[in-house]
């Protein structure tokens, strides 16, 4: 959320009035107090999602206007300076992150798009993640829209992706033999204290902790609703293909995800425009 007159991000996201309710819930706040989260409905086509997004963004902007604010869909807040937007809001999960990650929290003034694709069950979700993972760098490259912040050109097409990779559970997912093994690893991470609950797993792609879906988490928020709809449709298609391959016994990625972190870094650095062969 930005102040209309100054153009600066403001820590008043929680002041959005109840008149902005949709689907029976208000817009919710995030770790930085200038960031608002909104959930779309479930859609079977990109056209339906596009219409939902544009309607929601208009409602959010109307709700923010009486507070002297404007809602801006962007991967970062370009004019913001580190430490200018507080993160403490009384939410126990946010307090855990602030206490555990220190200065890194100041750099979390970023916004992403999370996309859920339906799967039959958690077992299939874990299997699909392994198959989809090699395609992950393509999606942040196509959605990259955060080259600036704080107050300067960062040299990255997606500062959002570069910053979120610093969290201890962010990055490419691993391959697991099944849902039980995956859940055991998550329980061990929670037990270590590095994360407070399974919802803090920030893998670029993961089985959702509360829905029968595969959740994409690495893409930038975009000012263009078309880009978000395209990203969602690509993710849905990749998951559908992974399920088909799993059911026909053709699934598999070779188990080598070691190169994915480097490829994701390149996607964040250069977006869709870079050609390494010209170097």
C-alpha atoms as a PDB file:
ATOM      1  CA  UNK A   1       0.000   0.000   0.000  1.00  0.00           C
ATOM      2  CA  UNK A   2       1.333   3.416  -0.981  1.00  0.00           C
ATOM      3  CA  UNK A   3       0.543   6.909   0.255  1.00  0.00           C
ATOM      4  CA  UNK A   4      -1.197   8.710  -2.607  1.00  0.00           C
ATOM      5  CA  UNK A   5       0.578  12.028  -2.058  1.00  0.00           C
ATOM      6  CA  UNK A   6       4.141  10.928  -1.254  1.00  0.00           C
ATOM      7  CA  UNK A   7       4.291   7.715  -3.274  1.00  0.00           C
ATOM      8  CA  UNK A   8       5.932   5.983  -0.306  1.00  0.00           C
ATOM      9  CA  UNK A   9       4.833   2.617   1.134  1.00  0.00           C
ATOM     10  CA  UNK A  10       2.933   3.037   4.389  1.00  0.00           C
ATOM     11  CA  UNK A  11       2.419   0.581   7.273  1.00  0.00           C
ATOM     12  CA  UNK A  12      -1.357   0.906   7.277  1.00  0.00           C
ATOM     13  CA  UNK A  13      -2.473  -2.151   5.343  1.00  0.00           C
ATOM     14  CA  UNK A  14      -4.560  -3.288   8.300  1.00  0.00           C
ATOM     15  CA  UNK A  15      -6.670  -0.136   8.062  1.00  0.00           C
ATOM     16  CA  UNK A  16      -8.538  -1.378   4.996  1.00  0.00           C
ATOM     17  CA  UNK A  17     -12.225  -1.128   5.882  1.00  0.00           C
ATOM     18  CA  UNK A  18     -14.553  -4.096   6.161  1.00  0.00           C
ATOM     19  CA  UNK A  19     -16.349  -2.804   3.114  1.00  0.00           C
ATOM     20  CA  UNK A  20     -13.580  -4.497   1.125  1.00  0.00           C
ATOM     21  CA  UNK A  21     -14.750  -7.943   2.180  1.00  0.00           C
ATOM     22  CA  UNK A  22     -14.914 -10.648  -0.489  1.00  0.00           C
ATOM     23  CA  UNK A  23     -15.618 -14.332  -0.125  1.00  0.00           C
ATOM     24  CA  UNK A  24     -16.665 -13.579   3.464  1.00  0.00           C
ATOM     25  CA  UNK A  25     -13.205 -12.385   4.526  1.00  0.00           C
ATOM     26  CA  UNK A  26     -11.332  -9.097   4.630  1.00  0.00           C
ATOM     27  CA  UNK A  27      -8.065  -8.597   2.851  1.00  0.00           C
ATOM     28  CA  UNK A  28      -5.321  -9.801   5.172  1.00  0.00           C
ATOM     29  CA  UNK A  29      -1.974  -8.326   6.118  1.00  0.00           C
ATOM     30  CA  UNK A  30       1.462  -9.811   5.573  1.00  0.00           C
ATOM     31  CA  UNK A  31       4.843  -9.646   7.318  1.00  0.00           C
ATOM     32  CA  UNK A  32       5.589  -6.067   6.140  1.00  0.00           C
ATOM     33  CA  UNK A  33       2.723  -3.915   7.363  1.00  0.00           C
ATOM     34  CA  UNK A  34       2.384  -2.183   4.000  1.00  0.00           C
ATOM     35  CA  UNK A  35       1.542  -5.441   2.199  1.00  0.00           C
ATOM     36  CA  UNK A  36      -1.965  -6.830   1.692  1.00  0.00           C
ATOM     37  CA  UNK A  37      -2.814 -10.388   0.667  1.00  0.00           C
ATOM     38  CA  UNK A  38      -5.925 -11.324  -1.286  1.00  0.00           C
ATOM     39  CA  UNK A  39      -7.084 -14.764  -2.415  1.00  0.00           C
ATOM     40  CA  UNK A  40      -8.814 -15.313  -5.720  1.00  0.00           C
ATOM     41  CA  UNK A  41     -11.481 -17.906  -6.232  1.00  0.00           C
ATOM     42  CA  UNK A  42     -10.794 -21.238  -7.935  1.00  0.00           C
ATOM     43  CA  UNK A  43     -10.986 -21.074 -11.721  1.00  0.00           C
ATOM     44  CA  UNK A  44     -10.848 -23.552 -14.579  1.00  0.00           C
ATOM     45  CA  UNK A  45      -9.754 -21.011 -17.191  1.00  0.00           C
ATOM     46  CA  UNK A  46      -7.335 -18.071 -17.399  1.00  0.00           C
ATOM     47  CA  UNK A  47     -10.195 -15.819 -18.492  1.00  0.00           C
ATOM     48  CA  UNK A  48     -12.067 -16.512 -15.268  1.00  0.00           C
ATOM     49  CA  UNK A  49      -8.973 -15.817 -13.176  1.00  0.00           C
ATOM     50  CA  UNK A  50      -8.209 -12.635 -15.114  1.00  0.00           C
ATOM     51  CA  UNK A  51     -11.703 -11.295 -14.444  1.00  0.00           C
ATOM     52  CA  UNK A  52     -11.414 -12.179 -10.753  1.00  0.00           C
ATOM     53  CA  UNK A  53      -8.037 -10.440 -10.421  1.00  0.00           C
ATOM     54  CA  UNK A  54      -9.101  -7.237 -12.109  1.00  0.00           C
ATOM     55  CA  UNK A  55     -12.271  -7.039 -10.018  1.00  0.00           C
ATOM     56  CA  UNK A  56     -10.377  -7.702  -6.788  1.00  0.00           C
ATOM     57  CA  UNK A  57      -7.719  -5.108  -7.542  1.00  0.00           C
ATOM     58  CA  UNK A  58     -10.372  -2.495  -8.233  1.00  0.00           C
ATOM     59  CA  UNK A  59     -12.132  -3.299  -4.947  1.00  0.00           C
ATOM     60  CA  UNK A  60      -8.887  -3.091  -3.017  1.00  0.00           C
ATOM     61  CA  UNK A  61      -8.046   0.269  -4.546  1.00  0.00           C
ATOM     62  CA  UNK A  62     -11.507   1.624  -3.704  1.00  0.00           C
ATOM     63  CA  UNK A  63     -11.155   0.385  -0.131  1.00  0.00           C
ATOM     64  CA  UNK A  64      -7.742   2.015   0.237  1.00  0.00           C
ATOM     65  CA  UNK A  65      -8.675   5.426  -1.207  1.00  0.00           C
ATOM     66  CA  UNK A  66     -10.510   6.772   1.887  1.00  0.00           C
ATOM     67  CA  UNK A  67      -7.314   6.095   3.877  1.00  0.00           C
ATOM     68  CA  UNK A  68      -5.263   8.183   1.444  1.00  0.00           C
ATOM     69  CA  UNK A  69      -3.661   5.047   0.039  1.00  0.00           C
ATOM     70  CA  UNK A  70      -3.396   3.284  -3.290  1.00  0.00           C
ATOM     71  CA  UNK A  71      -2.996  -0.428  -3.907  1.00  0.00           C
ATOM     72  CA  UNK A  72      -0.131  -1.257  -6.255  1.00  0.00           C
ATOM     73  CA  UNK A  73       0.540  -4.766  -7.551  1.00  0.00           C
ATOM     74  CA  UNK A  74       4.321  -5.040  -7.751  1.00  0.00           C
ATOM     75  CA  UNK A  75       7.102  -7.433  -6.788  1.00  0.00           C
ATOM     76  CA  UNK A  76       8.861  -4.763  -4.737  1.00  0.00           C
ATOM     77  CA  UNK A  77       8.324  -1.236  -3.429  1.00  0.00           C
ATOM     78  CA  UNK A  78      10.877   0.713  -5.512  1.00  0.00           C
ATOM     79  CA  UNK A  79      11.130   3.929  -3.419  1.00  0.00           C
ATOM     80  CA  UNK A  80      11.232   2.200  -0.017  1.00  0.00           C
ATOM     81  CA  UNK A  81      14.285   2.348   2.225  1.00  0.00           C
ATOM     82  CA  UNK A  82      15.195  -0.584   4.431  1.00  0.00           C
ATOM     83  CA  UNK A  83      13.716  -0.327   7.905  1.00  0.00           C
ATOM     84  CA  UNK A  84      11.077   2.261   6.968  1.00  0.00           C
ATOM     85  CA  UNK A  85       8.167  -0.192   7.091  1.00  0.00           C
ATOM     86  CA  UNK A  86       7.801  -2.030  10.421  1.00  0.00           C
ATOM     87  CA  UNK A  87       7.032  -5.734  10.498  1.00  0.00           C
ATOM     88  CA  UNK A  88       5.661  -6.262  14.005  1.00  0.00           C
ATOM     89  CA  UNK A  89       1.869  -6.482  14.027  1.00  0.00           C
ATOM     90  CA  UNK A  90       1.129  -8.853  16.897  1.00  0.00           C
ATOM     91  CA  UNK A  91       0.807 -11.943  14.693  1.00  0.00           C
ATOM     92  CA  UNK A  92       2.719 -14.774  16.452  1.00  0.00           C
ATOM     93  CA  UNK A  93       4.010 -16.143  13.135  1.00  0.00           C
ATOM     94  CA  UNK A  94       5.308 -12.750  12.085  1.00  0.00           C
ATOM     95  CA  UNK A  95       6.882 -12.264  15.522  1.00  0.00           C
ATOM     96  CA  UNK A  96       8.697 -15.590  15.123  1.00  0.00           C
ATOM     97  CA  UNK A  97      10.078 -14.516  11.753  1.00  0.00           C
ATOM     98  CA  UNK A  98      11.174 -11.139  13.107  1.00  0.00           C
ATOM     99  CA  UNK A  99      12.943 -12.686  16.095  1.00  0.00           C
ATOM    100  CA  UNK A 100      14.534 -15.515  14.132  1.00  0.00           C
ATOM    101  CA  UNK A 101      15.652 -13.766  10.939  1.00  0.00           C
ATOM    102  CA  UNK A 102      16.678 -10.343  12.236  1.00  0.00           C
ATOM    103  CA  UNK A 103      17.827  -7.886   9.598  1.00  0.00           C
ATOM    104  CA  UNK A 104      16.589 -10.126   6.785  1.00  0.00           C
ATOM    105  CA  UNK A 105      13.038  -9.205   7.766  1.00  0.00           C
ATOM    106  CA  UNK A 106      13.710  -5.566   6.809  1.00  0.00           C
ATOM    107  CA  UNK A 107      14.476  -6.773   3.301  1.00  0.00           C
ATOM    108  CA  UNK A 108      11.200  -8.704   2.982  1.00  0.00           C
ATOM    109  CA  UNK A 109       9.294  -5.760   1.496  1.00  0.00           C
ATOM    110  CA  UNK A 110       8.477  -7.934  -1.490  1.00  0.00           C
ATOM    111  CA  UNK A 111       5.293  -9.334  -3.003  1.00  0.00           C
ATOM    112  CA  UNK A 112       4.750 -12.598  -4.793  1.00  0.00           C
ATOM    113  CA  UNK A 113       2.031 -14.558  -6.522  1.00  0.00           C
ATOM    114  CA  UNK A 114       1.165 -17.983  -5.130  1.00  0.00           C
ATOM    115  CA  UNK A 115      -0.672 -20.330  -7.495  1.00  0.00           C
ATOM    116  CA  UNK A 116      -2.461 -23.516  -6.406  1.00  0.00           C
ATOM    117  CA  UNK A 117      -3.186 -26.342  -8.862  1.00  0.00           C
ATOM    118  CA  UNK A 118      -5.563 -29.082  -7.751  1.00  0.00           C
ATOM    119  CA  UNK A 119      -4.310 -32.644  -7.316  1.00  0.00           C
ATOM    120  CA  UNK A 120      -6.209 -35.756  -6.149  1.00  0.00           C
ATOM    121  CA  UNK A 121      -4.366 -36.115  -2.838  1.00  0.00           C
ATOM    122  CA  UNK A 122      -1.172 -35.378  -0.924  1.00  0.00           C
ATOM    123  CA  UNK A 123       0.621 -38.441  -2.307  1.00  0.00           C
ATOM    124  CA  UNK A 124       0.143 -37.183  -5.849  1.00  0.00           C
ATOM    125  CA  UNK A 125       1.134 -33.666  -4.772  1.00  0.00           C
ATOM    126  CA  UNK A 126       4.539 -34.862  -3.547  1.00  0.00           C
ATOM    127  CA  UNK A 127       5.099 -36.846  -6.743  1.00  0.00           C
ATOM    128  CA  UNK A 128       4.046 -33.958  -8.976  1.00  0.00           C
ATOM    129  CA  UNK A 129       6.439 -31.550  -7.272  1.00  0.00           C
ATOM    130  CA  UNK A 130       9.410 -33.685  -8.300  1.00  0.00           C
ATOM    131  CA  UNK A 131       8.272 -33.802 -11.933  1.00  0.00           C
ATOM    132  CA  UNK A 132       7.443 -30.098 -12.229  1.00  0.00           C
ATOM    133  CA  UNK A 133      10.586 -28.870 -10.429  1.00  0.00           C
ATOM    134  CA  UNK A 134      12.942 -28.808 -13.452  1.00  0.00           C
ATOM    135  CA  UNK A 135      10.612 -26.267 -15.102  1.00  0.00           C
ATOM    136  CA  UNK A 136      10.680 -23.898 -12.137  1.00  0.00           C
ATOM    137  CA  UNK A 137      13.203 -21.325 -13.440  1.00  0.00           C
ATOM    138  CA  UNK A 138      11.004 -20.626 -16.472  1.00  0.00           C
ATOM    139  CA  UNK A 139       8.154 -19.232 -14.381  1.00  0.00           C
ATOM    140  CA  UNK A 140      10.023 -16.552 -12.384  1.00  0.00           C
ATOM    141  CA  UNK A 141      11.783 -15.527 -15.605  1.00  0.00           C
ATOM    142  CA  UNK A 142       8.459 -14.951 -17.365  1.00  0.00           C
ATOM    143  CA  UNK A 143       6.868 -13.165 -14.400  1.00  0.00           C
ATOM    144  CA  UNK A 144       9.876 -11.032 -13.384  1.00  0.00           C
ATOM    145  CA  UNK A 145       8.695  -7.500 -12.576  1.00  0.00           C
ATOM    146  CA  UNK A 146      10.750  -6.190  -9.652  1.00  0.00           C
ATOM    147  CA  UNK A 147      13.983  -4.623 -10.933  1.00  0.00           C
ATOM    148  CA  UNK A 148      14.036  -1.745  -8.434  1.00  0.00           C
ATOM    149  CA  UNK A 149      14.366  -1.377  -4.681  1.00  0.00           C
ATOM    150  CA  UNK A 150      15.236  -0.030  -2.274  1.00  0.00           C
ATOM    151  CA  UNK A 151      15.533   3.252  -4.114  1.00  0.00           C
ATOM    152  CA  UNK A 152      17.763   1.967  -6.913  1.00  0.00           C
ATOM    153  CA  UNK A 153      18.089  -0.338  -9.895  1.00  0.00           C
ATOM    154  CA  UNK A 154      19.169  -3.679  -8.391  1.00  0.00           C
ATOM    155  CA  UNK A 155      20.513  -5.165 -11.613  1.00  0.00           C
ATOM    156  CA  UNK A 156      18.028  -8.024 -11.240  1.00  0.00           C
ATOM    157  CA  UNK A 157      14.878  -8.533 -13.279  1.00  0.00           C
ATOM    158  CA  UNK A 158      13.315 -10.026 -10.131  1.00  0.00           C
ATOM    159  CA  UNK A 159      14.600  -8.653  -6.852  1.00  0.00           C
ATOM    160  CA  UNK A 160      11.656 -10.437  -5.226  1.00  0.00           C
ATOM    161  CA  UNK A 161      13.052 -13.851  -6.204  1.00  0.00           C
ATOM    162  CA  UNK A 162      16.591 -12.980  -5.149  1.00  0.00           C
ATOM    163  CA  UNK A 163      15.487 -11.717  -1.722  1.00  0.00           C
ATOM    164  CA  UNK A 164      13.130 -14.578  -0.872  1.00  0.00           C
ATOM    165  CA  UNK A 165      15.868 -17.137  -1.595  1.00  0.00           C
ATOM    166  CA  UNK A 166      17.661 -15.964   1.564  1.00  0.00           C
ATOM    167  CA  UNK A 167      15.112 -17.565   3.842  1.00  0.00           C
ATOM    168  CA  UNK A 168      16.277 -20.921   5.207  1.00  0.00           C
ATOM    169  CA  UNK A 169      13.504 -23.013   3.668  1.00  0.00           C
ATOM    170  CA  UNK A 170      13.234 -21.170   0.350  1.00  0.00           C
ATOM    171  CA  UNK A 171      14.548 -22.484  -2.935  1.00  0.00           C
ATOM    172  CA  UNK A 172      14.100 -25.534  -5.141  1.00  0.00           C
ATOM    173  CA  UNK A 173      12.184 -28.471  -3.637  1.00  0.00           C
ATOM    174  CA  UNK A 174      13.732 -31.856  -3.061  1.00  0.00           C
ATOM    175  CA  UNK A 175      12.555 -35.228  -4.294  1.00  0.00           C
ATOM    176  CA  UNK A 176      10.832 -37.515  -1.792  1.00  0.00           C
ATOM    177  CA  UNK A 177       9.836 -41.161  -1.935  1.00  0.00           C
ATOM    178  CA  UNK A 178       6.346 -40.295  -0.760  1.00  0.00           C
ATOM    179  CA  UNK A 179       4.139 -38.103   1.384  1.00  0.00           C
ATOM    180  CA  UNK A 180       5.269 -39.748   4.633  1.00  0.00           C
ATOM    181  CA  UNK A 181       8.915 -38.935   3.955  1.00  0.00           C
ATOM    182  CA  UNK A 182       8.057 -35.370   3.001  1.00  0.00           C
ATOM    183  CA  UNK A 183       5.974 -34.849   6.145  1.00  0.00           C
ATOM    184  CA  UNK A 184       8.752 -36.325   8.297  1.00  0.00           C
ATOM    185  CA  UNK A 185      11.247 -33.808   6.898  1.00  0.00           C
ATOM    186  CA  UNK A 186       8.828 -30.935   7.511  1.00  0.00           C
ATOM    187  CA  UNK A 187       8.249 -32.115  11.096  1.00  0.00           C
ATOM    188  CA  UNK A 188      11.999 -32.209  11.657  1.00  0.00           C
ATOM    189  CA  UNK A 189      12.368 -28.640  10.405  1.00  0.00           C
ATOM    190  CA  UNK A 190       9.601 -27.470  12.733  1.00  0.00           C
ATOM    191  CA  UNK A 191      11.226 -29.367  15.591  1.00  0.00           C
ATOM    192  CA  UNK A 192      14.550 -27.660  14.911  1.00  0.00           C
ATOM    193  CA  UNK A 193      12.975 -24.253  15.525  1.00  0.00           C
ATOM    194  CA  UNK A 194      14.067 -22.886  12.162  1.00  0.00           C
ATOM    195  CA  UNK A 195      10.399 -22.621  11.208  1.00  0.00           C
ATOM    196  CA  UNK A 196       7.415 -22.369  13.511  1.00  0.00           C
ATOM    197  CA  UNK A 197       4.915 -24.450  11.540  1.00  0.00           C
ATOM    198  CA  UNK A 198       4.564 -26.272   8.178  1.00  0.00           C
ATOM    199  CA  UNK A 199       3.133 -23.144   6.552  1.00  0.00           C
ATOM    200  CA  UNK A 200       6.586 -21.548   6.811  1.00  0.00           C
ATOM    201  CA  UNK A 201       8.045 -23.966   4.268  1.00  0.00           C
ATOM    202  CA  UNK A 202       8.938 -21.518   1.498  1.00  0.00           C
ATOM    203  CA  UNK A 203      10.089 -23.911  -1.221  1.00  0.00           C
ATOM    204  CA  UNK A 204       9.593 -22.489  -4.698  1.00  0.00           C
ATOM    205  CA  UNK A 205       7.154 -25.348  -5.234  1.00  0.00           C
ATOM    206  CA  UNK A 206       5.514 -27.395  -2.499  1.00  0.00           C
ATOM    207  CA  UNK A 207       2.539 -29.554  -1.566  1.00  0.00           C
ATOM    208  CA  UNK A 208       0.204 -27.123   0.146  1.00  0.00           C
ATOM    209  CA  UNK A 209       0.154 -27.464   3.927  1.00  0.00           C
ATOM    210  CA  UNK A 210      -3.649 -27.121   4.061  1.00  0.00           C
ATOM    211  CA  UNK A 211      -5.112 -27.859   0.599  1.00  0.00           C
ATOM    212  CA  UNK A 212      -4.945 -30.788  -1.877  1.00  0.00           C
ATOM    213  CA  UNK A 213      -2.866 -28.703  -4.276  1.00  0.00           C
ATOM    214  CA  UNK A 214       0.639 -28.130  -5.593  1.00  0.00           C
ATOM    215  CA  UNK A 215       1.555 -24.553  -4.738  1.00  0.00           C
ATOM    216  CA  UNK A 216       3.877 -22.371  -6.827  1.00  0.00           C
ATOM    217  CA  UNK A 217       5.491 -19.683  -4.660  1.00  0.00           C
ATOM    218  CA  UNK A 218       8.424 -18.187  -6.551  1.00  0.00           C
ATOM    219  CA  UNK A 219       6.799 -15.724  -8.995  1.00  0.00           C
ATOM    220  CA  UNK A 220       6.616 -11.943  -8.732  1.00  0.00           C
ATOM    221  CA  UNK A 221       3.446 -10.020  -8.115  1.00  0.00           C
ATOM    222  CA  UNK A 222       2.776  -8.227 -11.394  1.00  0.00           C
ATOM    223  CA  UNK A 223       1.044  -4.977 -12.291  1.00  0.00           C
ATOM    224  CA  UNK A 224      -0.427  -6.832 -15.275  1.00  0.00           C
ATOM    225  CA  UNK A 225      -3.228  -9.222 -14.362  1.00  0.00           C
ATOM    226  CA  UNK A 226      -2.629 -10.922 -17.718  1.00  0.00           C
ATOM    227  CA  UNK A 227       0.829 -11.996 -16.543  1.00  0.00           C
ATOM    228  CA  UNK A 228      -0.596 -13.526 -13.383  1.00  0.00           C
ATOM    229  CA  UNK A 229      -3.244 -15.417 -15.359  1.00  0.00           C
ATOM    230  CA  UNK A 230      -0.597 -16.683 -17.790  1.00  0.00           C
ATOM    231  CA  UNK A 231       1.630 -17.841 -14.934  1.00  0.00           C
ATOM    232  CA  UNK A 232      -1.267 -19.649 -13.290  1.00  0.00           C
ATOM    233  CA  UNK A 233      -2.225 -21.404 -16.528  1.00  0.00           C
ATOM    234  CA  UNK A 234       1.367 -22.541 -17.165  1.00  0.00           C
ATOM    235  CA  UNK A 235       1.594 -23.903 -13.630  1.00  0.00           C
ATOM    236  CA  UNK A 236      -1.729 -25.711 -13.996  1.00  0.00           C
ATOM    237  CA  UNK A 237      -0.590 -27.265 -17.279  1.00  0.00           C
ATOM    238  CA  UNK A 238       2.722 -28.412 -15.777  1.00  0.00           C
ATOM    239  CA  UNK A 239       0.970 -30.033 -12.830  1.00  0.00           C
ATOM    240  CA  UNK A 240      -1.600 -31.714 -15.093  1.00  0.00           C
ATOM    241  CA  UNK A 241       1.212 -33.105 -17.254  1.00  0.00           C
ATOM    242  CA  UNK A 242       3.054 -34.325 -14.148  1.00  0.00           C
ATOM    243  CA  UNK A 243      -0.049 -36.163 -12.953  1.00  0.00           C
ATOM    244  CA  UNK A 244      -0.463 -37.813 -16.356  1.00  0.00           C
ATOM    245  CA  UNK A 245       3.168 -38.902 -16.347  1.00  0.00           C
ATOM    246  CA  UNK A 246       2.877 -40.241 -12.820  1.00  0.00           C
ATOM    247  CA  UNK A 247      -0.227 -42.275 -13.620  1.00  0.00           C
ATOM    248  CA  UNK A 248       1.355 -43.784 -16.759  1.00  0.00           C
ATOM    249  CA  UNK A 249       4.655 -44.586 -15.071  1.00  0.00           C
ATOM    250  CA  UNK A 250       6.604 -42.048 -17.135  1.00  0.00           C
ATOM    251  CA  UNK A 251       7.269 -39.618 -14.301  1.00  0.00           C
ATOM    252  CA  UNK A 252      10.728 -38.778 -13.066  1.00  0.00           C
ATOM    253  CA  UNK A 253      13.242 -35.959 -13.044  1.00  0.00           C
ATOM    254  CA  UNK A 254      16.400 -37.972 -12.390  1.00  0.00           C
ATOM    255  CA  UNK A 255      16.518 -36.792  -8.779  1.00  0.00           C
ATOM    256  CA  UNK A 256      19.160 -34.134  -9.539  1.00  0.00           C
ATOM    257  CA  UNK A 257      17.877 -30.726  -8.497  1.00  0.00           C
ATOM    258  CA  UNK A 258      21.305 -29.333  -7.641  1.00  0.00           C
ATOM    259  CA  UNK A 259      21.358 -27.025 -10.674  1.00  0.00           C
ATOM    260  CA  UNK A 260      17.928 -25.533 -10.006  1.00  0.00           C
ATOM    261  CA  UNK A 261      19.150 -22.916  -7.527  1.00  0.00           C
ATOM    262  CA  UNK A 262      21.647 -21.570 -10.060  1.00  0.00           C
ATOM    263  CA  UNK A 263      19.039 -21.611 -12.834  1.00  0.00           C
ATOM    264  CA  UNK A 264      16.541 -19.783 -10.614  1.00  0.00           C
ATOM    265  CA  UNK A 265      19.190 -17.186  -9.783  1.00  0.00           C
ATOM    266  CA  UNK A 266      19.770 -16.666 -13.506  1.00  0.00           C
ATOM    267  CA  UNK A 267      16.030 -16.291 -14.054  1.00  0.00           C
ATOM    268  CA  UNK A 268      15.863 -13.643 -11.314  1.00  0.00           C
ATOM    269  CA  UNK A 269      18.955 -11.884 -12.616  1.00  0.00           C
ATOM    270  CA  UNK A 270      18.032 -11.685 -16.278  1.00  0.00           C
ATOM    271  CA  UNK A 271      14.354 -12.510 -16.737  1.00  0.00           C
ATOM    272  CA  UNK A 272      13.352 -13.777 -20.185  1.00  0.00           C
ATOM    273  CA  UNK A 273      15.765 -11.574 -22.143  1.00  0.00           C
ATOM    274  CA  UNK A 274      19.233 -12.937 -21.370  1.00  0.00           C
ATOM    275  CA  UNK A 275      21.180 -15.112 -23.836  1.00  0.00           C
ATOM    276  CA  UNK A 276      24.198 -16.707 -22.103  1.00  0.00           C
ATOM    277  CA  UNK A 277      25.608 -17.757 -25.486  1.00  0.00           C
ATOM    278  CA  UNK A 278      26.423 -14.126 -26.296  1.00  0.00           C
ATOM    279  CA  UNK A 279      28.897 -13.820 -23.417  1.00  0.00           C
END
